[in-house]
């Protein structure tokens, strides 16, 4: 069985935070701290192209916010956004760090990075 991929946004969960993030992305996109959110979401939600790409990976994929990563896995002090891999009952391991994530400015770049880093 393949590892689970865990993508973690540099944002906290919850309706209030979702609204705040949506406004921030639209009013001041250059200062928005989550490049993963910026390229994979639009004003209507997760981009359809990204959803199709994720489905094409034929792996279990989990999306978490910063606070959910801390709550579920006890991981903190990791620069975000980032992606982790998790095999069975093991702890998640950093797979794509924030430097790689932040270097991607388009959805195509994120998809290429994911594909080129899969085993």
C-alpha atoms as a PDB file:
ATOM      1  CA  UNK A   1       0.000   0.000   0.000  1.00  0.00           C
ATOM      2  CA  UNK A   2       1.253   3.512  -0.832  1.00  0.00           C
ATOM      3  CA  UNK A   3       2.046   6.127   1.711  1.00  0.00           C
ATOM      4  CA  UNK A   4      -0.619   8.656   2.600  1.00  0.00           C
ATOM      5  CA  UNK A   5       0.193  12.159   1.392  1.00  0.00           C
ATOM      6  CA  UNK A   6      -0.630  14.932   3.843  1.00  0.00           C
ATOM      7  CA  UNK A   7      -0.743  18.497   2.531  1.00  0.00           C
ATOM      8  CA  UNK A   8      -0.703  21.124   5.267  1.00  0.00           C
ATOM      9  CA  UNK A   9      -1.820  24.703   4.760  1.00  0.00           C
ATOM     10  CA  UNK A  10      -0.163  27.623   6.508  1.00  0.00           C
ATOM     11  CA  UNK A  11      -3.532  28.651   7.913  1.00  0.00           C
ATOM     12  CA  UNK A  12      -5.812  27.615  10.757  1.00  0.00           C
ATOM     13  CA  UNK A  13      -9.135  25.794  10.358  1.00  0.00           C
ATOM     14  CA  UNK A  14     -12.609  27.114  11.023  1.00  0.00           C
ATOM     15  CA  UNK A  15     -15.193  29.308   9.339  1.00  0.00           C
ATOM     16  CA  UNK A  16     -13.849  32.581  10.759  1.00  0.00           C
ATOM     17  CA  UNK A  17     -10.345  31.736   9.541  1.00  0.00           C
ATOM     18  CA  UNK A  18     -11.682  30.671   6.121  1.00  0.00           C
ATOM     19  CA  UNK A  19     -13.419  34.034   5.702  1.00  0.00           C
ATOM     20  CA  UNK A  20     -10.379  35.964   6.939  1.00  0.00           C
ATOM     21  CA  UNK A  21      -8.107  34.022   4.546  1.00  0.00           C
ATOM     22  CA  UNK A  22     -10.446  34.556   1.591  1.00  0.00           C
ATOM     23  CA  UNK A  23     -10.449  38.309   2.196  1.00  0.00           C
ATOM     24  CA  UNK A  24      -6.671  38.399   2.678  1.00  0.00           C
ATOM     25  CA  UNK A  25      -6.037  36.438  -0.573  1.00  0.00           C
ATOM     26  CA  UNK A  26      -8.222  38.870  -2.522  1.00  0.00           C
ATOM     27  CA  UNK A  27      -7.190  42.154  -0.916  1.00  0.00           C
ATOM     28  CA  UNK A  28      -3.467  41.548  -0.500  1.00  0.00           C
ATOM     29  CA  UNK A  29      -2.405  38.360  -2.301  1.00  0.00           C
ATOM     30  CA  UNK A  30       1.294  39.291  -2.209  1.00  0.00           C
ATOM     31  CA  UNK A  31       1.277  39.096   1.620  1.00  0.00           C
ATOM     32  CA  UNK A  32      -0.862  35.966   1.939  1.00  0.00           C
ATOM     33  CA  UNK A  33       1.271  33.415   3.860  1.00  0.00           C
ATOM     34  CA  UNK A  34       0.053  30.180   2.255  1.00  0.00           C
ATOM     35  CA  UNK A  35       1.199  29.598  -1.314  1.00  0.00           C
ATOM     36  CA  UNK A  36      -0.464  26.156  -1.304  1.00  0.00           C
ATOM     37  CA  UNK A  37      -3.857  27.740  -0.568  1.00  0.00           C
ATOM     38  CA  UNK A  38      -3.243  30.518  -3.055  1.00  0.00           C
ATOM     39  CA  UNK A  39      -2.648  28.216  -6.029  1.00  0.00           C
ATOM     40  CA  UNK A  40      -4.996  25.322  -5.205  1.00  0.00           C
ATOM     41  CA  UNK A  41      -8.075  27.281  -4.059  1.00  0.00           C
ATOM     42  CA  UNK A  42     -10.129  30.059  -5.574  1.00  0.00           C
ATOM     43  CA  UNK A  43     -13.158  31.991  -4.334  1.00  0.00           C
ATOM     44  CA  UNK A  44     -15.424  28.974  -4.930  1.00  0.00           C
ATOM     45  CA  UNK A  45     -13.283  26.431  -3.088  1.00  0.00           C
ATOM     46  CA  UNK A  46     -10.687  23.858  -4.084  1.00  0.00           C
ATOM     47  CA  UNK A  47      -9.887  24.146  -7.776  1.00  0.00           C
ATOM     48  CA  UNK A  48     -11.377  21.388  -9.896  1.00  0.00           C
ATOM     49  CA  UNK A  49      -8.075  20.822 -11.718  1.00  0.00           C
ATOM     50  CA  UNK A  50      -6.319  20.228  -8.382  1.00  0.00           C
ATOM     51  CA  UNK A  51      -9.015  17.787  -7.260  1.00  0.00           C
ATOM     52  CA  UNK A  52      -8.637  15.823 -10.511  1.00  0.00           C
ATOM     53  CA  UNK A  53      -4.866  15.783 -10.127  1.00  0.00           C
ATOM     54  CA  UNK A  54      -5.121  14.512  -6.527  1.00  0.00           C
ATOM     55  CA  UNK A  55      -7.527  11.754  -7.644  1.00  0.00           C
ATOM     56  CA  UNK A  56      -5.102  10.735 -10.411  1.00  0.00           C
ATOM     57  CA  UNK A  57      -2.386   9.987  -7.839  1.00  0.00           C
ATOM     58  CA  UNK A  58      -4.260   6.860  -6.687  1.00  0.00           C
ATOM     59  CA  UNK A  59      -3.128   7.446  -3.114  1.00  0.00           C
ATOM     60  CA  UNK A  60      -4.801   8.434   0.086  1.00  0.00           C
ATOM     61  CA  UNK A  61      -4.464  12.188   0.409  1.00  0.00           C
ATOM     62  CA  UNK A  62      -5.239  14.242   3.486  1.00  0.00           C
ATOM     63  CA  UNK A  63      -5.484  18.020   3.717  1.00  0.00           C
ATOM     64  CA  UNK A  64      -4.893  19.687   7.067  1.00  0.00           C
ATOM     65  CA  UNK A  65      -4.577  23.177   8.440  1.00  0.00           C
ATOM     66  CA  UNK A  66      -1.739  24.202  10.776  1.00  0.00           C
ATOM     67  CA  UNK A  67      -3.822  23.720  13.938  1.00  0.00           C
ATOM     68  CA  UNK A  68      -5.109  20.334  12.741  1.00  0.00           C
ATOM     69  CA  UNK A  69      -1.557  19.102  12.106  1.00  0.00           C
ATOM     70  CA  UNK A  70      -0.644  20.004  15.669  1.00  0.00           C
ATOM     71  CA  UNK A  71      -3.803  18.463  17.097  1.00  0.00           C
ATOM     72  CA  UNK A  72      -3.740  15.229  15.104  1.00  0.00           C
ATOM     73  CA  UNK A  73      -0.014  14.497  14.895  1.00  0.00           C
ATOM     74  CA  UNK A  74       1.600  16.767  17.501  1.00  0.00           C
ATOM     75  CA  UNK A  75       3.763  18.377  14.814  1.00  0.00           C
ATOM     76  CA  UNK A  76       4.631  22.025  15.337  1.00  0.00           C
ATOM     77  CA  UNK A  77       7.531  24.282  14.516  1.00  0.00           C
ATOM     78  CA  UNK A  78       7.676  23.092  10.905  1.00  0.00           C
ATOM     79  CA  UNK A  79       7.541  25.944   8.391  1.00  0.00           C
ATOM     80  CA  UNK A  80       4.352  25.693   6.357  1.00  0.00           C
ATOM     81  CA  UNK A  81       2.914  25.073   3.833  1.00  0.00           C
ATOM     82  CA  UNK A  82       4.445  21.631   3.580  1.00  0.00           C
ATOM     83  CA  UNK A  83       3.580  18.073   2.652  1.00  0.00           C
ATOM     84  CA  UNK A  84       4.253  14.902   4.595  1.00  0.00           C
ATOM     85  CA  UNK A  85       4.131  11.204   3.872  1.00  0.00           C
ATOM     86  CA  UNK A  86       2.744   8.737   6.357  1.00  0.00           C
ATOM     87  CA  UNK A  87       3.125   4.995   6.174  1.00  0.00           C
ATOM     88  CA  UNK A  88       0.632   2.915   8.178  1.00  0.00           C
ATOM     89  CA  UNK A  89       1.024   3.572  11.929  1.00  0.00           C
ATOM     90  CA  UNK A  90       4.216   5.598  11.649  1.00  0.00           C
ATOM     91  CA  UNK A  91       4.500   9.317  12.301  1.00  0.00           C
ATOM     92  CA  UNK A  92       4.312  11.608   9.283  1.00  0.00           C
ATOM     93  CA  UNK A  93       7.656  12.466   7.695  1.00  0.00           C
ATOM     94  CA  UNK A  94       8.361  15.776   5.978  1.00  0.00           C
ATOM     95  CA  UNK A  95       8.242  15.220   2.228  1.00  0.00           C
ATOM     96  CA  UNK A  96       7.958  18.638   0.552  1.00  0.00           C
ATOM     97  CA  UNK A  97       9.168  21.522   2.689  1.00  0.00           C
ATOM     98  CA  UNK A  98       7.911  25.090   2.700  1.00  0.00           C
ATOM     99  CA  UNK A  99      10.795  26.269   0.530  1.00  0.00           C
ATOM    100  CA  UNK A 100       9.727  23.904  -2.258  1.00  0.00           C
ATOM    101  CA  UNK A 101       6.052  24.746  -1.774  1.00  0.00           C
ATOM    102  CA  UNK A 102       6.620  28.502  -1.754  1.00  0.00           C
ATOM    103  CA  UNK A 103       8.716  28.274  -4.921  1.00  0.00           C
ATOM    104  CA  UNK A 104       5.600  27.143  -6.811  1.00  0.00           C
ATOM    105  CA  UNK A 105       3.663  30.115  -8.133  1.00  0.00           C
ATOM    106  CA  UNK A 106       1.110  28.222 -10.226  1.00  0.00           C
ATOM    107  CA  UNK A 107      -1.007  25.106  -9.920  1.00  0.00           C
ATOM    108  CA  UNK A 108       0.969  23.486 -12.750  1.00  0.00           C
ATOM    109  CA  UNK A 109       4.209  24.038 -10.832  1.00  0.00           C
ATOM    110  CA  UNK A 110       2.744  22.405  -7.702  1.00  0.00           C
ATOM    111  CA  UNK A 111       1.521  19.421  -9.712  1.00  0.00           C
ATOM    112  CA  UNK A 112       4.914  19.011 -11.408  1.00  0.00           C
ATOM    113  CA  UNK A 113       6.698  19.196  -8.053  1.00  0.00           C
ATOM    114  CA  UNK A 114       4.405  16.548  -6.554  1.00  0.00           C
ATOM    115  CA  UNK A 115       4.813  14.221  -9.551  1.00  0.00           C
ATOM    116  CA  UNK A 116       8.578  14.578  -9.688  1.00  0.00           C
ATOM    117  CA  UNK A 117       8.932  13.835  -5.962  1.00  0.00           C
ATOM    118  CA  UNK A 118       6.738  10.724  -5.842  1.00  0.00           C
ATOM    119  CA  UNK A 119       8.557   7.419  -5.555  1.00  0.00           C
END
